[in-house]
PDB file of N, CA and C in Angstrom:
ATOM      1  N   MET A   1      -7.353  -5.292 -12.759  1.00  0.00           N
ATOM      2  CA  MET A   1      -6.700  -4.956 -11.524  1.00  0.00           C
ATOM      3  C   MET A   1      -7.703  -4.959 -10.361  1.00  0.00           C
ATOM      4  N   TYR A   2      -8.908  -4.480 -10.607  1.00  0.00           N
ATOM      5  CA  TYR A   2      -9.916  -4.425  -9.554  1.00  0.00           C
ATOM      6  C   TYR A   2     -10.182  -5.811  -8.978  1.00  0.00           C
ATOM      7  N   ARG A   3     -10.375  -6.791  -9.836  1.00  0.00           N
ATOM      8  CA  ARG A   3     -10.657  -8.154  -9.376  1.00  0.00           C
ATOM      9  C   ARG A   3      -9.485  -8.721  -8.575  1.00  0.00           C
ATOM     10  N   ARG A   4      -8.261  -8.428  -9.018  1.00  0.00           N
ATOM     11  CA  ARG A   4      -7.073  -8.874  -8.278  1.00  0.00           C
ATOM     12  C   ARG A   4      -7.040  -8.251  -6.892  1.00  0.00           C
ATOM     13  N   ALA A   5      -7.364  -6.958  -6.807  1.00  0.00           N
ATOM     14  CA  ALA A   5      -7.349  -6.253  -5.517  1.00  0.00           C
ATOM     15  C   ALA A   5      -8.389  -6.832  -4.564  1.00  0.00           C
ATOM     16  N   VAL A   6      -9.585  -7.069  -5.060  1.00  0.00           N
ATOM     17  CA  VAL A   6     -10.647  -7.626  -4.212  1.00  0.00           C
ATOM     18  C   VAL A   6     -10.252  -9.010  -3.713  1.00  0.00           C
ATOM     19  N   ALA A   7      -9.714  -9.827  -4.587  1.00  0.00           N
ATOM     20  CA  ALA A   7      -9.298 -11.178  -4.190  1.00  0.00           C
ATOM     21  C   ALA A   7      -8.163 -11.129  -3.172  1.00  0.00           C
ATOM     22  N   MET A   8      -7.253 -10.222  -3.359  1.00  0.00           N
ATOM     23  CA  MET A   8      -6.084 -10.116  -2.488  1.00  0.00           C
ATOM     24  C   MET A   8      -6.437  -9.520  -1.124  1.00  0.00           C
ATOM     25  N   ARG A   9      -7.426  -8.644  -1.087  1.00  0.00           N
ATOM     26  CA  ARG A   9      -7.774  -7.912   0.131  1.00  0.00           C
ATOM     27  C   ARG A   9      -8.109  -8.844   1.296  1.00  0.00           C
ATOM     28  N   ALA A  10      -8.882  -9.869   1.071  1.00  0.00           N
ATOM     29  CA  ALA A  10      -9.274 -10.777   2.149  1.00  0.00           C
ATOM     30  C   ALA A  10      -8.063 -11.447   2.790  1.00  0.00           C
ATOM     31  N   SER A  11      -7.134 -11.909   1.973  1.00  0.00           N
ATOM     32  CA  SER A  11      -5.955 -12.571   2.547  1.00  0.00           C
ATOM     33  C   SER A  11      -5.049 -11.572   3.259  1.00  0.00           C
ATOM     34  N   LEU A  12      -4.956 -10.343   2.743  1.00  0.00           N
ATOM     35  CA  LEU A  12      -4.129  -9.331   3.410  1.00  0.00           C
ATOM     36  C   LEU A  12      -4.717  -8.932   4.761  1.00  0.00           C
ATOM     37  N   LEU A  13      -6.042  -8.784   4.824  1.00  0.00           N
ATOM     38  CA  LEU A  13      -6.686  -8.447   6.091  1.00  0.00           C
ATOM     39  C   LEU A  13      -6.540  -9.577   7.099  1.00  0.00           C
ATOM     40  N   ALA A  14      -6.651 -10.811   6.644  1.00  0.00           N
ATOM     41  CA  ALA A  14      -6.473 -11.955   7.539  1.00  0.00           C
ATOM     42  C   ALA A  14      -5.044 -11.982   8.075  1.00  0.00           C
ATOM     43  N   GLU A  15      -4.084 -11.716   7.212  1.00  0.00           N
ATOM     44  CA  GLU A  15      -2.679 -11.672   7.619  1.00  0.00           C
ATOM     45  C   GLU A  15      -2.442 -10.566   8.645  1.00  0.00           C
ATOM     46  N   ALA A  16      -3.033  -9.389   8.417  1.00  0.00           N
ATOM     47  CA  ALA A  16      -2.881  -8.269   9.351  1.00  0.00           C
ATOM     48  C   ALA A  16      -3.523  -8.587  10.695  1.00  0.00           C
ATOM     49  N   SER A  17      -4.701  -9.211  10.674  1.00  0.00           N
ATOM     50  CA  SER A  17      -5.393  -9.557  11.918  1.00  0.00           C
ATOM     51  C   SER A  17      -4.629 -10.604  12.713  1.00  0.00           C
ATOM     52  N   ALA A  18      -4.009 -11.541  12.032  1.00  0.00           N
ATOM     53  CA  ALA A  18      -3.222 -12.569  12.720  1.00  0.00           C
ATOM     54  C   ALA A  18      -2.016 -11.951  13.407  1.00  0.00           C
ATOM     55  N   GLU A  19      -1.443 -10.935  12.781  1.00  0.00           N
ATOM     56  CA  GLU A  19      -0.264 -10.288  13.340  1.00  0.00           C
ATOM     57  C   GLU A  19      -0.635  -9.340  14.477  1.00  0.00           C
ATOM     58  N   SER A  20      -1.793  -8.690  14.370  1.00  0.00           N
ATOM     59  CA  SER A  20      -2.250  -7.734  15.385  1.00  0.00           C
ATOM     60  C   SER A  20      -3.748  -7.944  15.578  1.00  0.00           C
ATOM     61  N   PRO A  21      -4.140  -8.790  16.546  1.00  0.00           N
ATOM     62  CA  PRO A  21      -5.539  -9.170  16.685  1.00  0.00           C
ATOM     63  C   PRO A  21      -6.473  -8.093  17.238  1.00  0.00           C
ATOM     64  N   SER A  22      -6.004  -6.857  17.439  1.00  0.00           N
ATOM     65  CA  SER A  22      -6.884  -5.793  17.920  1.00  0.00           C
ATOM     66  C   SER A  22      -7.953  -5.501  16.867  1.00  0.00           C
ATOM     67  N   ALA A  23      -8.966  -4.753  17.250  1.00  0.00           N
ATOM     68  CA  ALA A  23     -10.064  -4.436  16.333  1.00  0.00           C
ATOM     69  C   ALA A  23      -9.585  -3.703  15.088  1.00  0.00           C
ATOM     70  N   SER A  24      -8.536  -2.908  15.218  1.00  0.00           N
ATOM     71  CA  SER A  24      -8.039  -2.138  14.070  1.00  0.00           C
ATOM     72  C   SER A  24      -7.145  -2.964  13.164  1.00  0.00           C
ATOM     73  N   GLY A  25      -6.724  -4.146  13.608  1.00  0.00           N
ATOM     74  CA  GLY A  25      -5.830  -4.962  12.797  1.00  0.00           C
ATOM     75  C   GLY A  25      -4.473  -4.317  12.622  1.00  0.00           C
ATOM     76  N   GLY A  26      -4.091  -3.447  13.561  1.00  0.00           N
ATOM     77  CA  GLY A  26      -2.799  -2.783  13.471  1.00  0.00           C
ATOM     78  C   GLY A  26      -2.795  -1.602  12.511  1.00  0.00           C
ATOM     79  N   PHE A  27      -3.963  -1.028  12.207  1.00  0.00           N
ATOM     80  CA  PHE A  27      -4.058   0.100  11.277  1.00  0.00           C
ATOM     81  C   PHE A  27      -3.365   1.330  11.854  1.00  0.00           C
ATOM     82  N   ALA A  28      -2.577   1.993  11.011  1.00  0.00           N
ATOM     83  CA  ALA A  28      -1.946   3.255  11.427  1.00  0.00           C
ATOM     84  C   ALA A  28      -1.617   4.097  10.202  1.00  0.00           C
ATOM     85  N   TRP A  29      -1.819   5.403  10.338  1.00  0.00           N
ATOM     86  CA  TRP A  29      -1.385   6.326   9.295  1.00  0.00           C
ATOM     87  C   TRP A  29       0.117   6.486   9.389  1.00  0.00           C
ATOM     88  N   VAL A  30       0.774   6.628   8.253  1.00  0.00           N
ATOM     89  CA  VAL A  30       2.219   6.832   8.185  1.00  0.00           C
ATOM     90  C   VAL A  30       2.449   8.245   7.663  1.00  0.00           C
ATOM     91  N   PRO A  31       3.306   9.041   8.339  1.00  0.00           N
ATOM     92  CA  PRO A  31       3.578  10.388   7.830  1.00  0.00           C
ATOM     93  C   PRO A  31       4.091  10.320   6.391  1.00  0.00           C
ATOM     94  N   ALA A  32       3.553  11.188   5.554  1.00  0.00           N
ATOM     95  CA  ALA A  32       3.942  11.218   4.140  1.00  0.00           C
ATOM     96  C   ALA A  32       3.952  12.669   3.676  1.00  0.00           C
ATOM     97  N   GLY A  33       4.572  12.895   2.558  1.00  0.00           N
ATOM     98  CA  GLY A  33       4.662  14.246   2.020  1.00  0.00           C
ATOM     99  C   GLY A  33       3.315  14.770   1.555  1.00  0.00           C
ATOM    100  N   GLU A  34       3.303  16.036   1.199  1.00  0.00           N
ATOM    101  CA  GLU A  34       2.090  16.669   0.701  1.00  0.00           C
ATOM    102  C   GLU A  34       1.607  15.954  -0.565  1.00  0.00           C
ATOM    103  N   GLY A  35       0.321  15.678  -0.616  1.00  0.00           N
ATOM    104  CA  GLY A  35      -0.248  15.018  -1.784  1.00  0.00           C
ATOM    105  C   GLY A  35      -0.127  13.504  -1.763  1.00  0.00           C
ATOM    106  N   VAL A  36       0.306  12.948  -0.614  1.00  0.00           N
ATOM    107  CA  VAL A  36       0.488  11.493  -0.512  1.00  0.00           C
ATOM    108  C   VAL A  36      -0.234  10.990   0.736  1.00  0.00           C
ATOM    109  N   LEU A  37      -1.028   9.931   0.592  1.00  0.00           N
ATOM    110  CA  LEU A  37      -1.645   9.246   1.729  1.00  0.00           C
ATOM    111  C   LEU A  37      -0.984   7.883   1.865  1.00  0.00           C
ATOM    112  N   HIS A  38      -0.617   7.540   3.093  1.00  0.00           N
ATOM    113  CA  HIS A  38       0.086   6.280   3.338  1.00  0.00           C
ATOM    114  C   HIS A  38      -0.422   5.712   4.659  1.00  0.00           C
ATOM    115  N   PHE A  39      -0.897   4.475   4.617  1.00  0.00           N
ATOM    116  CA  PHE A  39      -1.245   3.785   5.849  1.00  0.00           C
ATOM    117  C   PHE A  39      -0.741   2.362   5.775  1.00  0.00           C
ATOM    118  N   HIS A  40      -0.628   1.746   6.941  1.00  0.00           N
ATOM    119  CA  HIS A  40      -0.299   0.325   6.956  1.00  0.00           C
ATOM    120  C   HIS A  40      -1.272  -0.374   7.880  1.00  0.00           C
ATOM    121  N   ARG A  41      -1.457  -1.621   7.605  1.00  0.00           N
ATOM    122  CA  ARG A  41      -2.298  -2.484   8.433  1.00  0.00           C
ATOM    123  C   ARG A  41      -1.545  -3.785   8.545  1.00  0.00           C
ATOM    124  N   GLY A  42      -0.908  -3.981   9.693  1.00  0.00           N
ATOM    125  CA  GLY A  42      -0.028  -5.125   9.836  1.00  0.00           C
ATOM    126  C   GLY A  42       1.145  -4.952   8.880  1.00  0.00           C
ATOM    127  N   PRO A  43       1.483  -5.984   8.138  1.00  0.00           N
ATOM    128  CA  PRO A  43       2.653  -5.925   7.267  1.00  0.00           C
ATOM    129  C   PRO A  43       2.417  -5.257   5.919  1.00  0.00           C
ATOM    130  N   TRP A  44       1.166  -4.965   5.569  1.00  0.00           N
ATOM    131  CA  TRP A  44       0.952  -4.395   4.236  1.00  0.00           C
ATOM    132  C   TRP A  44       0.671  -2.908   4.294  1.00  0.00           C
ATOM    133  N   HIS A  45       1.146  -2.236   3.265  1.00  0.00           N
ATOM    134  CA  HIS A  45       1.052  -0.778   3.163  1.00  0.00           C
ATOM    135  C   HIS A  45       0.255  -0.400   1.926  1.00  0.00           C
ATOM    136  N   CYS A  46      -0.448   0.708   2.023  1.00  0.00           N
ATOM    137  CA  CYS A  46      -1.146   1.307   0.888  1.00  0.00           C
ATOM    138  C   CYS A  46      -0.640   2.738   0.782  1.00  0.00           C
ATOM    139  N   VAL A  47      -0.085   3.092  -0.369  1.00  0.00           N
ATOM    140  CA  VAL A  47       0.429   4.441  -0.600  1.00  0.00           C
ATOM    141  C   VAL A  47      -0.252   4.990  -1.849  1.00  0.00           C
ATOM    142  N   THR A  48      -0.933   6.125  -1.702  1.00  0.00           N
ATOM    143  CA  THR A  48      -1.563   6.780  -2.845  1.00  0.00           C
ATOM    144  C   THR A  48      -0.875   8.109  -3.080  1.00  0.00           C
ATOM    145  N   ASN A  49      -0.393   8.283  -4.286  1.00  0.00           N
ATOM    146  CA  ASN A  49       0.326   9.489  -4.686  1.00  0.00           C
ATOM    147  C   ASN A  49      -0.597  10.324  -5.574  1.00  0.00           C
ATOM    148  N   PHE A  50      -1.059  11.466  -5.041  1.00  0.00           N
ATOM    149  CA  PHE A  50      -1.949  12.345  -5.793  1.00  0.00           C
ATOM    150  C   PHE A  50      -1.182  13.419  -6.555  1.00  0.00           C
ATOM    151  N   THR A  51       0.142  13.376  -6.499  1.00  0.00           N
ATOM    152  CA  THR A  51       0.945  14.405  -7.154  1.00  0.00           C
ATOM    153  C   THR A  51       1.261  14.020  -8.602  1.00  0.00           C
ATOM    154  N   ASP A  52       1.879  14.954  -9.310  1.00  0.00           N
ATOM    155  CA  ASP A  52       2.260  14.714 -10.703  1.00  0.00           C
ATOM    156  C   ASP A  52       3.681  14.197 -10.852  1.00  0.00           C
ATOM    157  N   ALA A  53       4.310  13.826  -9.745  1.00  0.00           N
ATOM    158  CA  ALA A  53       5.684  13.307  -9.787  1.00  0.00           C
ATOM    159  C   ALA A  53       5.783  12.044  -8.934  1.00  0.00           C
ATOM    160  N   PRO A  54       6.678  11.117  -9.292  1.00  0.00           N
ATOM    161  CA  PRO A  54       6.865   9.916  -8.467  1.00  0.00           C
ATOM    162  C   PRO A  54       7.376  10.291  -7.074  1.00  0.00           C
ATOM    163  N   VAL A  55       7.049   9.465  -6.090  1.00  0.00           N
ATOM    164  CA  VAL A  55       7.545   9.657  -4.724  1.00  0.00           C
ATOM    165  C   VAL A  55       8.183   8.358  -4.239  1.00  0.00           C
ATOM    166  N   ALA A  56       9.023   8.473  -3.217  1.00  0.00           N
ATOM    167  CA  ALA A  56       9.691   7.301  -2.642  1.00  0.00           C
ATOM    168  C   ALA A  56       8.649   6.367  -2.038  1.00  0.00           C
ATOM    169  N   ARG A  57       8.998   5.091  -1.985  1.00  0.00           N
ATOM    170  CA  ARG A  57       8.099   4.106  -1.391  1.00  0.00           C
ATOM    171  C   ARG A  57       8.854   3.296  -0.355  1.00  0.00           C
ATOM    172  N   PRO A  58       8.110   2.669   0.568  1.00  0.00           N
ATOM    173  CA  PRO A  58       8.760   1.802   1.545  1.00  0.00           C
ATOM    174  C   PRO A  58       9.391   0.598   0.840  1.00  0.00           C
ATOM    175  N   THR A  59      10.350  -0.002   1.499  1.00  0.00           N
ATOM    176  CA  THR A  59      10.978  -1.208   0.971  1.00  0.00           C
ATOM    177  C   THR A  59      10.032  -2.382   1.170  1.00  0.00           C
ATOM    178  N   GLY A  60       9.902  -3.209   0.170  1.00  0.00           N
ATOM    179  CA  GLY A  60       9.063  -4.386   0.296  1.00  0.00           C
ATOM    180  C   GLY A  60       8.630  -4.921  -1.052  1.00  0.00           C
ATOM    181  N   GLU A  61       7.830  -5.966  -0.994  1.00  0.00           N
ATOM    182  CA  GLU A  61       7.332  -6.634  -2.195  1.00  0.00           C
ATOM    183  C   GLU A  61       6.088  -5.914  -2.716  1.00  0.00           C
ATOM    184  N   VAL A  62       6.137  -5.427  -3.943  1.00  0.00           N
ATOM    185  CA  VAL A  62       4.981  -4.765  -4.547  1.00  0.00           C
ATOM    186  C   VAL A  62       3.921  -5.816  -4.854  1.00  0.00           C
ATOM    187  N   LEU A  63       2.720  -5.593  -4.332  1.00  0.00           N
ATOM    188  CA  LEU A  63       1.617  -6.522  -4.544  1.00  0.00           C
ATOM    189  C   LEU A  63       0.692  -6.048  -5.658  1.00  0.00           C
ATOM    190  N   LEU A  64       0.543  -4.730  -5.770  1.00  0.00           N
ATOM    191  CA  LEU A  64      -0.391  -4.163  -6.727  1.00  0.00           C
ATOM    192  C   LEU A  64       0.009  -2.727  -7.009  1.00  0.00           C
ATOM    193  N   CYS A  65      -0.087  -2.321  -8.260  1.00  0.00           N
ATOM    194  CA  CYS A  65       0.212  -0.935  -8.626  1.00  0.00           C
ATOM    195  C   CYS A  65      -0.787  -0.512  -9.690  1.00  0.00           C
ATOM    196  N   SER A  66      -1.413   0.643  -9.488  1.00  0.00           N
ATOM    197  CA  SER A  66      -2.433   1.095 -10.437  1.00  0.00           C
ATOM    198  C   SER A  66      -1.844   1.745 -11.686  1.00  0.00           C
ATOM    199  N   ALA A  67      -0.561   2.062 -11.662  1.00  0.00           N
ATOM    200  CA  ALA A  67       0.060   2.689 -12.829  1.00  0.00           C
ATOM    201  C   ALA A  67       0.385   1.648 -13.885  1.00  0.00           C
ATOM    202  N   PRO A  68       0.074   1.930 -15.137  1.00  0.00           N
ATOM    203  CA  PRO A  68       0.344   0.962 -16.201  1.00  0.00           C
ATOM    204  C   PRO A  68       1.824   0.614 -16.336  1.00  0.00           C
ATOM    205  N   GLU A  69       2.697   1.560 -15.990  1.00  0.00           N
ATOM    206  CA  GLU A  69       4.134   1.308 -16.132  1.00  0.00           C
ATOM    207  C   GLU A  69       4.718   0.534 -14.948  1.00  0.00           C
ATOM    208  N   GLY A  70       3.916   0.296 -13.911  1.00  0.00           N
ATOM    209  CA  GLY A  70       4.412  -0.431 -12.754  1.00  0.00           C
ATOM    210  C   GLY A  70       5.066   0.490 -11.740  1.00  0.00           C
ATOM    211  N   ALA A  71       5.588  -0.093 -10.690  1.00  0.00           N
ATOM    212  CA  ALA A  71       6.083   0.689  -9.568  1.00  0.00           C
ATOM    213  C   ALA A  71       7.509   1.194  -9.732  1.00  0.00           C
ATOM    214  N   GLY A  72       8.386   0.429 -10.333  1.00  0.00           N
ATOM    215  CA  GLY A  72       9.785   0.853 -10.386  1.00  0.00           C
ATOM    216  C   GLY A  72      10.341   1.034  -8.987  1.00  0.00           C
ATOM    217  N   ASP A  73      11.067   2.123  -8.772  1.00  0.00           N
ATOM    218  CA  ASP A  73      11.679   2.372  -7.462  1.00  0.00           C
ATOM    219  C   ASP A  73      10.823   3.232  -6.549  1.00  0.00           C
ATOM    220  N   GLY A  74       9.680   3.694  -7.027  1.00  0.00           N
ATOM    221  CA  GLY A  74       8.852   4.579  -6.219  1.00  0.00           C
ATOM    222  C   GLY A  74       7.382   4.343  -6.489  1.00  0.00           C
ATOM    223  N   VAL A  75       6.575   5.297  -6.022  1.00  0.00           N
ATOM    224  CA  VAL A  75       5.145   5.274  -6.314  1.00  0.00           C
ATOM    225  C   VAL A  75       4.938   6.257  -7.458  1.00  0.00           C
ATOM    226  N   PRO A  76       4.521   5.773  -8.622  1.00  0.00           N
ATOM    227  CA  PRO A  76       4.356   6.661  -9.769  1.00  0.00           C
ATOM    228  C   PRO A  76       3.341   7.776  -9.503  1.00  0.00           C
ATOM    229  N   ALA A  77       3.421   8.828 -10.296  1.00  0.00           N
ATOM    230  CA  ALA A  77       2.482   9.945 -10.182  1.00  0.00           C
ATOM    231  C   ALA A  77       1.050   9.455 -10.341  1.00  0.00           C
ATOM    232  N   ASN A  78       0.143  10.044  -9.570  1.00  0.00           N
ATOM    233  CA  ASN A  78      -1.292   9.775  -9.689  1.00  0.00           C
ATOM    234  C   ASN A  78      -1.619   8.282  -9.686  1.00  0.00           C
ATOM    235  N   SER A  79      -1.084   7.570  -8.704  1.00  0.00           N
ATOM    236  CA  SER A  79      -1.313   6.129  -8.637  1.00  0.00           C
ATOM    237  C   SER A  79      -1.338   5.638  -7.193  1.00  0.00           C
ATOM    238  N   THR A  80      -1.738   4.386  -7.039  1.00  0.00           N
ATOM    239  CA  THR A  80      -1.772   3.728  -5.729  1.00  0.00           C
ATOM    240  C   THR A  80      -0.952   2.457  -5.795  1.00  0.00           C
ATOM    241  N   LEU A  81      -0.276   2.182  -4.695  1.00  0.00           N
ATOM    242  CA  LEU A  81       0.602   1.018  -4.599  1.00  0.00           C
ATOM    243  C   LEU A  81       0.268   0.265  -3.317  1.00  0.00           C
ATOM    244  N   TRP A  82       0.133  -1.049  -3.415  1.00  0.00           N
ATOM    245  CA  TRP A  82       0.028  -1.906  -2.234  1.00  0.00           C
ATOM    246  C   TRP A  82       1.322  -2.687  -2.164  1.00  0.00           C
ATOM    247  N   LEU A  83       1.875  -2.808  -0.960  1.00  0.00           N
ATOM    248  CA  LEU A  83       3.074  -3.625  -0.812  1.00  0.00           C
ATOM    249  C   LEU A  83       3.138  -4.281   0.539  1.00  0.00           C
ATOM    250  N   ARG A  84       3.890  -5.367   0.618  1.00  0.00           N
ATOM    251  CA  ARG A  84       4.166  -6.066   1.874  1.00  0.00           C
ATOM    252  C   ARG A  84       5.540  -5.611   2.309  1.00  0.00           C
ATOM    253  N   ALA A  85       5.608  -5.010   3.482  1.00  0.00           N
ATOM    254  CA  ALA A  85       6.875  -4.447   3.965  1.00  0.00           C
ATOM    255  C   ALA A  85       7.917  -5.533   4.187  1.00  0.00           C
ATOM    256  N   ALA A  86       9.165  -5.148   3.943  1.00  0.00           N
ATOM    257  CA  ALA A  86      10.289  -6.090   4.124  1.00  0.00           C
ATOM    258  C   ALA A  86      10.658  -6.177   5.585  1.00  0.00           C
TER     259      ALA A  86
END
């Protein structure tokens, strides 16, 4: 998974910069519940769930999920999800 993430990161950052050419590439924190960090940069989102229960996720194409069981309908407990927003 690590190698996939590193390979994917360059293309995602390029995509974000093309959409928002500012220095931040359109980076913004997204309000999330307690125990959850969520930011987006252009069209892609990163959601990390530090809780012991699944949480809702934005609508979009799942690009990467650190949980062995995959993303399903949410962000699994104690995992990180990358997705391209719909």
